[in-house]
Amino acid sequence: MSPLLLLYFTCVSAIANEAYVIQQKSKSSGVFLVYLNSNQIKITYLQKKIEVYASKPDYKVTLINNKNKKYFVTTIPECLDVSGQGLVYKSFLVGGQHFKDKNYWLKTGTFKQDGIEALSYKFKYEKKYLQEPQTIENMNVGQFNGICQEFVELHSNLNGLPQMSSLILSISAHDTVGNSFYIISTPSIKKQNMNIVKPCVSNYKLAKSYNDFNDLQVKSQAINDLINFTK
């Protein structure tokens, strides 16, 4: 092996570090993958063919739409829910107007998932709502070591979720006939040594706005999600 090639492999090995690989499911966004370490985050929405990337130190967010070949650059606080599901929660679920307010979630216990410590919460309802259908139930929030709060905020914004101290692993609710379903769930969490690579946008068009990035599909998607929410 040549010295140059050896140097290349040495550099690649040095760059790779331990990352969380988290598979999640959303009622509105479908299956998505979260790649997360102390310096970077990348989220890939498989059905929507959307990728999101952010890293330290600037925390700028690049959103890539692989359907229309557009990308959009924004900040973490200004990131929007890619599916419109935040509107659905507010419109569809009893108590939904308080869904994203962490003060309405009461801590109830702890548990472990795939070696990750997690905290359990229950939504705080007035007594008159407790037996109603379409109510929010429980939330589990994982404690991920070494992950900065900015990445937690981005994950929450993109998925229309409350802002908590760490990543949300699951939220459940009741549908119109009282059956429990997941708003978001986490089938698996793994750790592995890997490079989290920023997607290339050299052949993509820079979108002028968030709606341009989505081809104005965000609003219509929210309506479709509302119709199909409990199917």
C-alpha atoms as a PDB file:
ATOM      1  CA  MET A   1       0.000   0.000   0.000  1.00  0.00           C
ATOM      2  CA  SER A   2       1.353   3.410  -0.970  1.00  0.00           C
ATOM      3  CA  PRO A   3       2.092   6.008   1.747  1.00  0.00           C
ATOM      4  CA  LEU A   4      -0.570   8.311   0.253  1.00  0.00           C
ATOM      5  CA  LEU A   5      -3.240   5.609   0.323  1.00  0.00           C
ATOM      6  CA  LEU A   6      -2.234   4.634   3.853  1.00  0.00           C
ATOM      7  CA  LEU A   7      -2.571   8.273   4.932  1.00  0.00           C
ATOM      8  CA  TYR A   8      -6.042   8.397   3.358  1.00  0.00           C
ATOM      9  CA  PHE A   9      -7.287   5.380   5.298  1.00  0.00           C
ATOM     10  CA  THR A  10      -5.730   6.736   8.484  1.00  0.00           C
ATOM     11  CA  CYS A  11      -7.584  10.037   8.069  1.00  0.00           C
ATOM     12  CA  VAL A  12     -10.910   8.318   7.354  1.00  0.00           C
ATOM     13  CA  SER A  13     -10.458   6.161  10.435  1.00  0.00           C
ATOM     14  CA  ALA A  14      -9.690   9.213  12.543  1.00  0.00           C
ATOM     15  CA  ILE A  15     -12.806  11.050  11.337  1.00  0.00           C
ATOM     16  CA  ALA A  16     -15.188   8.169  12.052  1.00  0.00           C
ATOM     17  CA  ASN A  17     -16.586   8.218  15.585  1.00  0.00           C
ATOM     18  CA  GLU A  18     -19.315   6.619  17.590  1.00  0.00           C
ATOM     19  CA  ALA A  19     -22.815   7.613  16.535  1.00  0.00           C
ATOM     20  CA  TYR A  20     -26.358   6.707  17.428  1.00  0.00           C
ATOM     21  CA  VAL A  21     -28.416   5.224  14.594  1.00  0.00           C
ATOM     22  CA  ILE A  22     -32.067   5.573  15.545  1.00  0.00           C
ATOM     23  CA  GLN A  23     -34.967   4.193  13.515  1.00  0.00           C
ATOM     24  CA  GLN A  24     -38.250   5.979  14.179  1.00  0.00           C
ATOM     25  CA  LYS A  25     -41.801   5.904  12.838  1.00  0.00           C
ATOM     26  CA  SER A  26     -44.248   8.770  12.659  1.00  0.00           C
ATOM     27  CA  LYS A  27     -47.969   8.534  11.903  1.00  0.00           C
ATOM     28  CA  SER A  28     -47.564  11.387   9.421  1.00  0.00           C
ATOM     29  CA  SER A  29     -43.952  11.163   8.209  1.00  0.00           C
ATOM     30  CA  GLY A  30     -43.556   7.383   7.980  1.00  0.00           C
ATOM     31  CA  VAL A  31     -40.213   5.729   8.727  1.00  0.00           C
ATOM     32  CA  PHE A  32     -37.152   7.918   9.214  1.00  0.00           C
ATOM     33  CA  LEU A  33     -33.563   7.407  10.378  1.00  0.00           C
ATOM     34  CA  VAL A  34     -31.668   9.661  12.775  1.00  0.00           C
ATOM     35  CA  TYR A  35     -27.855   9.616  12.667  1.00  0.00           C
ATOM     36  CA  LEU A  36     -26.515  11.462  15.673  1.00  0.00           C
ATOM     37  CA  ASN A  37     -23.209  12.158  17.402  1.00  0.00           C
ATOM     38  CA  SER A  38     -21.881  14.977  19.562  1.00  0.00           C
ATOM     39  CA  ASN A  39     -21.070  17.156  16.518  1.00  0.00           C
ATOM     40  CA  GLN A  40     -23.561  16.262  13.779  1.00  0.00           C
ATOM     41  CA  ILE A  41     -27.097  15.148  13.072  1.00  0.00           C
ATOM     42  CA  LYS A  42     -28.646  13.809   9.883  1.00  0.00           C
ATOM     43  CA  ILE A  43     -32.273  12.764   9.520  1.00  0.00           C
ATOM     44  CA  THR A  44     -33.501  10.830   6.483  1.00  0.00           C
ATOM     45  CA  TYR A  45     -37.267  10.600   5.835  1.00  0.00           C
ATOM     46  CA  LEU A  46     -37.489   7.504   3.664  1.00  0.00           C
ATOM     47  CA  GLN A  47     -40.970   7.884   2.140  1.00  0.00           C
ATOM     48  CA  LYS A  48     -40.714  11.628   1.676  1.00  0.00           C
ATOM     49  CA  LYS A  49     -37.175  11.374   0.302  1.00  0.00           C
ATOM     50  CA  ILE A  50     -36.116  14.342   2.429  1.00  0.00           C
ATOM     51  CA  GLU A  51     -32.747  14.606   4.193  1.00  0.00           C
ATOM     52  CA  VAL A  52     -31.818  17.078   6.896  1.00  0.00           C
ATOM     53  CA  TYR A  53     -28.288  17.857   8.058  1.00  0.00           C
ATOM     54  CA  ALA A  54     -26.799  20.131  10.738  1.00  0.00           C
ATOM     55  CA  SER A  55     -23.460  20.294  12.531  1.00  0.00           C
ATOM     56  CA  LYS A  56     -21.406  22.302  14.982  1.00  0.00           C
ATOM     57  CA  PRO A  57     -20.256  25.021  15.247  1.00  0.00           C
ATOM     58  CA  ASP A  58     -22.683  27.060  13.103  1.00  0.00           C
ATOM     59  CA  TYR A  59     -25.757  24.779  13.480  1.00  0.00           C
ATOM     60  CA  LYS A  60     -27.011  25.823  10.048  1.00  0.00           C
ATOM     61  CA  VAL A  61     -29.613  23.365   8.763  1.00  0.00           C
ATOM     62  CA  THR A  62     -29.597  22.070   5.190  1.00  0.00           C
ATOM     63  CA  LEU A  63     -32.805  20.398   4.032  1.00  0.00           C
ATOM     64  CA  ILE A  64     -32.608  18.338   0.832  1.00  0.00           C
ATOM     65  CA  ASN A  65     -35.679  17.319  -1.167  1.00  0.00           C
ATOM     66  CA  ASN A  66     -34.632  14.403  -3.362  1.00  0.00           C
ATOM     67  CA  LYS A  67     -37.987  14.373  -5.187  1.00  0.00           C
ATOM     68  CA  ASN A  68     -37.847  17.855  -6.696  1.00  0.00           C
ATOM     69  CA  LYS A  69     -34.051  18.270  -6.450  1.00  0.00           C
ATOM     70  CA  LYS A  70     -34.237  21.367  -4.274  1.00  0.00           C
ATOM     71  CA  TYR A  71     -32.502  22.289  -1.041  1.00  0.00           C
ATOM     72  CA  PHE A  72     -33.106  24.936   1.594  1.00  0.00           C
ATOM     73  CA  VAL A  73     -30.811  26.417   4.242  1.00  0.00           C
ATOM     74  CA  THR A  74     -32.219  27.722   7.515  1.00  0.00           C
ATOM     75  CA  THR A  75     -31.614  27.856  11.275  1.00  0.00           C
ATOM     76  CA  ILE A  76     -32.715  25.365  13.925  1.00  0.00           C
ATOM     77  CA  PRO A  77     -35.304  27.707  15.560  1.00  0.00           C
ATOM     78  CA  GLU A  78     -36.843  28.433  12.140  1.00  0.00           C
ATOM     79  CA  CYS A  79     -37.059  24.813  11.040  1.00  0.00           C
ATOM     80  CA  LEU A  80     -40.588  23.613  10.354  1.00  0.00           C
ATOM     81  CA  ASP A  81     -42.223  20.237  10.723  1.00  0.00           C
ATOM     82  CA  VAL A  82     -41.620  18.498   7.370  1.00  0.00           C
ATOM     83  CA  SER A  83     -45.042  16.800   7.336  1.00  0.00           C
ATOM     84  CA  GLY A  84     -47.438  19.417   8.716  1.00  0.00           C
ATOM     85  CA  GLN A  85     -48.339  17.054  11.553  1.00  0.00           C
ATOM     86  CA  GLY A  86     -48.094  19.743  14.227  1.00  0.00           C
ATOM     87  CA  LEU A  87     -51.243  21.258  12.716  1.00  0.00           C
ATOM     88  CA  VAL A  88     -52.897  17.839  12.809  1.00  0.00           C
ATOM     89  CA  TYR A  89     -52.178  17.373  16.513  1.00  0.00           C
ATOM     90  CA  LYS A  90     -53.624  20.780  17.321  1.00  0.00           C
ATOM     91  CA  SER A  91     -56.739  20.246  15.197  1.00  0.00           C
ATOM     92  CA  PHE A  92     -57.426  16.568  15.789  1.00  0.00           C
ATOM     93  CA  LEU A  93     -56.468  15.615  19.347  1.00  0.00           C
ATOM     94  CA  VAL A  94     -58.228  16.767  22.496  1.00  0.00           C
ATOM     95  CA  GLY A  95     -55.730  18.981  24.289  1.00  0.00           C
ATOM     96  CA  GLY A  96     -53.721  19.323  21.085  1.00  0.00           C
ATOM     97  CA  GLN A  97     -53.333  23.064  21.522  1.00  0.00           C
ATOM     98  CA  HIS A  98     -51.056  22.225  24.474  1.00  0.00           C
ATOM     99  CA  PHE A  99     -49.341  19.245  22.817  1.00  0.00           C
ATOM    100  CA  LYS A 100     -45.984  21.010  22.383  1.00  0.00           C
ATOM    101  CA  ASP A 101     -46.028  22.669  25.812  1.00  0.00           C
ATOM    102  CA  LYS A 102     -43.729  20.619  28.072  1.00  0.00           C
ATOM    103  CA  ASN A 103     -45.521  22.016  31.131  1.00  0.00           C
ATOM    104  CA  TYR A 104     -48.467  19.765  30.240  1.00  0.00           C
ATOM    105  CA  TRP A 105     -46.325  16.619  30.511  1.00  0.00           C
ATOM    106  CA  LEU A 106     -45.901  15.128  33.982  1.00  0.00           C
ATOM    107  CA  LYS A 107     -42.943  12.828  34.750  1.00  0.00           C
ATOM    108  CA  THR A 108     -44.119   9.372  35.860  1.00  0.00           C
ATOM    109  CA  GLY A 109     -41.064   7.075  35.891  1.00  0.00           C
ATOM    110  CA  THR A 110     -38.003   5.693  34.100  1.00  0.00           C
ATOM    111  CA  PHE A 111     -37.178   2.740  31.858  1.00  0.00           C
ATOM    112  CA  LYS A 112     -34.519   1.511  29.414  1.00  0.00           C
ATOM    113  CA  GLN A 113     -34.681   0.937  25.666  1.00  0.00           C
ATOM    114  CA  ASP A 114     -31.722  -0.587  23.813  1.00  0.00           C
ATOM    115  CA  GLY A 115     -29.462   0.486  26.671  1.00  0.00           C
ATOM    116  CA  ILE A 116     -30.728   4.100  26.638  1.00  0.00           C
ATOM    117  CA  GLU A 117     -32.124   5.472  29.891  1.00  0.00           C
ATOM    118  CA  ALA A 118     -35.517   7.062  29.306  1.00  0.00           C
ATOM    119  CA  LEU A 119     -38.028   9.118  31.257  1.00  0.00           C
ATOM    120  CA  SER A 120     -41.768   8.468  31.032  1.00  0.00           C
ATOM    121  CA  TYR A 121     -44.327  11.288  30.963  1.00  0.00           C
ATOM    122  CA  LYS A 122     -48.120  11.448  30.963  1.00  0.00           C
ATOM    123  CA  PHE A 123     -50.137  14.269  29.447  1.00  0.00           C
ATOM    124  CA  LYS A 124     -51.911  16.439  32.022  1.00  0.00           C
ATOM    125  CA  TYR A 125     -55.637  16.668  31.273  1.00  0.00           C
ATOM    126  CA  GLU A 126     -58.477  18.324  33.060  1.00  0.00           C
ATOM    127  CA  LYS A 127     -60.667  15.603  34.593  1.00  0.00           C
ATOM    128  CA  LYS A 128     -63.496  16.176  32.103  1.00  0.00           C
ATOM    129  CA  TYR A 129     -61.242  15.022  29.240  1.00  0.00           C
ATOM    130  CA  LEU A 130     -59.844  11.859  30.811  1.00  0.00           C
ATOM    131  CA  GLN A 131     -62.415   9.455  29.275  1.00  0.00           C
ATOM    132  CA  GLU A 132     -62.667  11.216  25.912  1.00  0.00           C
ATOM    133  CA  PRO A 133     -61.361   9.641  22.667  1.00  0.00           C
ATOM    134  CA  GLN A 134     -58.715  11.442  20.589  1.00  0.00           C
ATOM    135  CA  THR A 135     -56.635  12.215  23.673  1.00  0.00           C
ATOM    136  CA  ILE A 136     -52.865  12.318  24.035  1.00  0.00           C
ATOM    137  CA  GLU A 137     -51.563   9.682  26.453  1.00  0.00           C
ATOM    138  CA  ASN A 138     -47.888   8.980  27.170  1.00  0.00           C
ATOM    139  CA  MET A 139     -44.425  10.143  26.099  1.00  0.00           C
ATOM    140  CA  ASN A 140     -41.001   8.547  26.552  1.00  0.00           C
ATOM    141  CA  VAL A 141     -37.861  10.685  26.316  1.00  0.00           C
ATOM    142  CA  GLY A 142     -34.423   9.054  25.994  1.00  0.00           C
ATOM    143  CA  GLN A 143     -31.303  10.301  27.724  1.00  0.00           C
ATOM    144  CA  PHE A 144     -28.556  10.354  25.034  1.00  0.00           C
ATOM    145  CA  ASN A 145     -25.094  11.032  26.433  1.00  0.00           C
ATOM    146  CA  GLY A 146     -23.055  13.801  24.820  1.00  0.00           C
ATOM    147  CA  ILE A 147     -25.802  15.079  22.512  1.00  0.00           C
ATOM    148  CA  CYS A 148     -26.210  18.843  22.428  1.00  0.00           C
ATOM    149  CA  GLN A 149     -29.555  20.523  23.074  1.00  0.00           C
ATOM    150  CA  GLU A 150     -29.540  22.197  19.650  1.00  0.00           C
ATOM    151  CA  PHE A 151     -29.844  18.805  17.917  1.00  0.00           C
ATOM    152  CA  VAL A 152     -32.660  17.831  20.287  1.00  0.00           C
ATOM    153  CA  GLU A 153     -34.452  21.063  19.359  1.00  0.00           C
ATOM    154  CA  LEU A 154     -34.010  20.360  15.649  1.00  0.00           C
ATOM    155  CA  HIS A 155     -35.403  16.825  16.000  1.00  0.00           C
ATOM    156  CA  SER A 156     -38.445  18.218  17.828  1.00  0.00           C
ATOM    157  CA  ASN A 157     -39.085  21.018  15.326  1.00  0.00           C
ATOM    158  CA  LEU A 158     -38.831  18.746  12.298  1.00  0.00           C
ATOM    159  CA  ASN A 159     -41.279  16.218  13.728  1.00  0.00           C
ATOM    160  CA  GLY A 160     -43.782  18.619  15.280  1.00  0.00           C
ATOM    161  CA  LEU A 161     -42.964  17.396  18.792  1.00  0.00           C
ATOM    162  CA  PRO A 162     -42.685  19.103  22.200  1.00  0.00           C
ATOM    163  CA  GLN A 163     -39.329  20.558  23.241  1.00  0.00           C
ATOM    164  CA  MET A 164     -37.915  18.232  25.891  1.00  0.00           C
ATOM    165  CA  SER A 165     -34.522  17.732  27.536  1.00  0.00           C
ATOM    166  CA  SER A 166     -33.550  14.899  25.167  1.00  0.00           C
ATOM    167  CA  LEU A 167     -34.838  13.050  22.105  1.00  0.00           C
ATOM    168  CA  ILE A 168     -38.440  11.860  22.170  1.00  0.00           C
ATOM    169  CA  LEU A 169     -38.669   8.099  21.631  1.00  0.00           C
ATOM    170  CA  SER A 170     -42.433   7.690  21.636  1.00  0.00           C
ATOM    171  CA  ILE A 171     -45.767   9.445  22.073  1.00  0.00           C
ATOM    172  CA  SER A 172     -49.090   7.600  22.084  1.00  0.00           C
ATOM    173  CA  ALA A 173     -52.701   8.750  21.820  1.00  0.00           C
ATOM    174  CA  HIS A 174     -56.264   7.425  21.571  1.00  0.00           C
ATOM    175  CA  ASP A 175     -58.164   7.524  18.276  1.00  0.00           C
ATOM    176  CA  THR A 176     -61.873   8.247  17.729  1.00  0.00           C
ATOM    177  CA  VAL A 177     -62.963   4.800  18.962  1.00  0.00           C
ATOM    178  CA  GLY A 178     -60.589   4.744  21.922  1.00  0.00           C
ATOM    179  CA  ASN A 179     -57.834   2.525  20.505  1.00  0.00           C
ATOM    180  CA  SER A 180     -54.251   3.432  21.360  1.00  0.00           C
ATOM    181  CA  PHE A 181     -51.857   4.339  18.533  1.00  0.00           C
ATOM    182  CA  TYR A 182     -48.389   5.861  18.253  1.00  0.00           C
ATOM    183  CA  ILE A 183     -47.819   9.412  17.060  1.00  0.00           C
ATOM    184  CA  ILE A 184     -44.120   8.551  17.086  1.00  0.00           C
ATOM    185  CA  SER A 185     -42.308   5.336  18.016  1.00  0.00           C
ATOM    186  CA  THR A 186     -38.713   4.087  18.043  1.00  0.00           C
ATOM    187  CA  PRO A 187     -38.271   0.472  16.869  1.00  0.00           C
ATOM    188  CA  SER A 188     -34.502   0.468  17.373  1.00  0.00           C
ATOM    189  CA  ILE A 189     -31.474   2.360  18.699  1.00  0.00           C
ATOM    190  CA  LYS A 190     -27.934   1.282  17.841  1.00  0.00           C
ATOM    191  CA  LYS A 191     -24.418   2.606  18.363  1.00  0.00           C
ATOM    192  CA  GLN A 192     -21.769   2.227  15.692  1.00  0.00           C
ATOM    193  CA  ASN A 193     -18.580   3.846  14.446  1.00  0.00           C
ATOM    194  CA  MET A 194     -19.425   5.747  11.290  1.00  0.00           C
ATOM    195  CA  ASN A 195     -18.993   8.981   9.372  1.00  0.00           C
ATOM    196  CA  ILE A 196     -22.087  11.181   9.203  1.00  0.00           C
ATOM    197  CA  VAL A 197     -21.732  12.754   5.773  1.00  0.00           C
ATOM    198  CA  LYS A 198     -23.466  15.938   4.629  1.00  0.00           C
ATOM    199  CA  PRO A 199     -25.510  15.204   1.476  1.00  0.00           C
ATOM    200  CA  CYS A 200     -24.178  16.793  -1.707  1.00  0.00           C
ATOM    201  CA  VAL A 201     -26.374  19.565  -3.155  1.00  0.00           C
ATOM    202  CA  SER A 202     -24.158  20.669  -6.044  1.00  0.00           C
ATOM    203  CA  ASN A 203     -26.730  19.561  -8.627  1.00  0.00           C
ATOM    204  CA  TYR A 204     -29.744  20.793  -6.657  1.00  0.00           C
ATOM    205  CA  LYS A 205     -31.563  24.133  -6.871  1.00  0.00           C
ATOM    206  CA  LEU A 206     -31.605  26.461  -3.859  1.00  0.00           C
ATOM    207  CA  ALA A 207     -35.228  27.000  -2.807  1.00  0.00           C
ATOM    208  CA  LYS A 208     -36.397  30.550  -2.105  1.00  0.00           C
ATOM    209  CA  SER A 209     -38.621  29.559   0.811  1.00  0.00           C
ATOM    210  CA  TYR A 210     -39.764  26.599   2.876  1.00  0.00           C
ATOM    211  CA  ASN A 211     -42.913  26.247   0.731  1.00  0.00           C
ATOM    212  CA  ASP A 212     -40.811  26.403  -2.434  1.00  0.00           C
ATOM    213  CA  PHE A 213     -38.650  23.612  -1.015  1.00  0.00           C
ATOM    214  CA  ASN A 214     -41.813  21.515  -0.511  1.00  0.00           C
ATOM    215  CA  ASP A 215     -43.516  22.627  -3.759  1.00  0.00           C
ATOM    216  CA  LEU A 216     -46.320  24.007  -1.549  1.00  0.00           C
ATOM    217  CA  GLN A 217     -47.112  20.483  -0.338  1.00  0.00           C
ATOM    218  CA  VAL A 218     -46.868  21.189   3.387  1.00  0.00           C
ATOM    219  CA  LYS A 219     -50.418  22.551   3.764  1.00  0.00           C
ATOM    220  CA  SER A 220     -52.091  19.920   1.573  1.00  0.00           C
ATOM    221  CA  GLN A 221     -50.113  17.208   3.347  1.00  0.00           C
ATOM    222  CA  ALA A 222     -51.489  18.332   6.686  1.00  0.00           C
ATOM    223  CA  ILE A 223     -55.049  17.995   5.352  1.00  0.00           C
ATOM    224  CA  ASN A 224     -54.339  14.538   3.959  1.00  0.00           C
ATOM    225  CA  ASP A 225     -52.767  13.493   7.248  1.00  0.00           C
ATOM    226  CA  LEU A 226     -55.849  14.663   9.132  1.00  0.00           C
ATOM    227  CA  ILE A 227     -58.124  12.572   6.892  1.00  0.00           C
ATOM    228  CA  ASN A 228     -55.933   9.466   7.122  1.00  0.00           C
ATOM    229  CA  PHE A 229     -54.674   9.922  10.684  1.00  0.00           C
ATOM    230  CA  THR A 230     -56.229   6.824  12.261  1.00  0.00           C
ATOM    231  CA  LYS A 231     -56.266   4.469   9.284  1.00  0.00           C
END
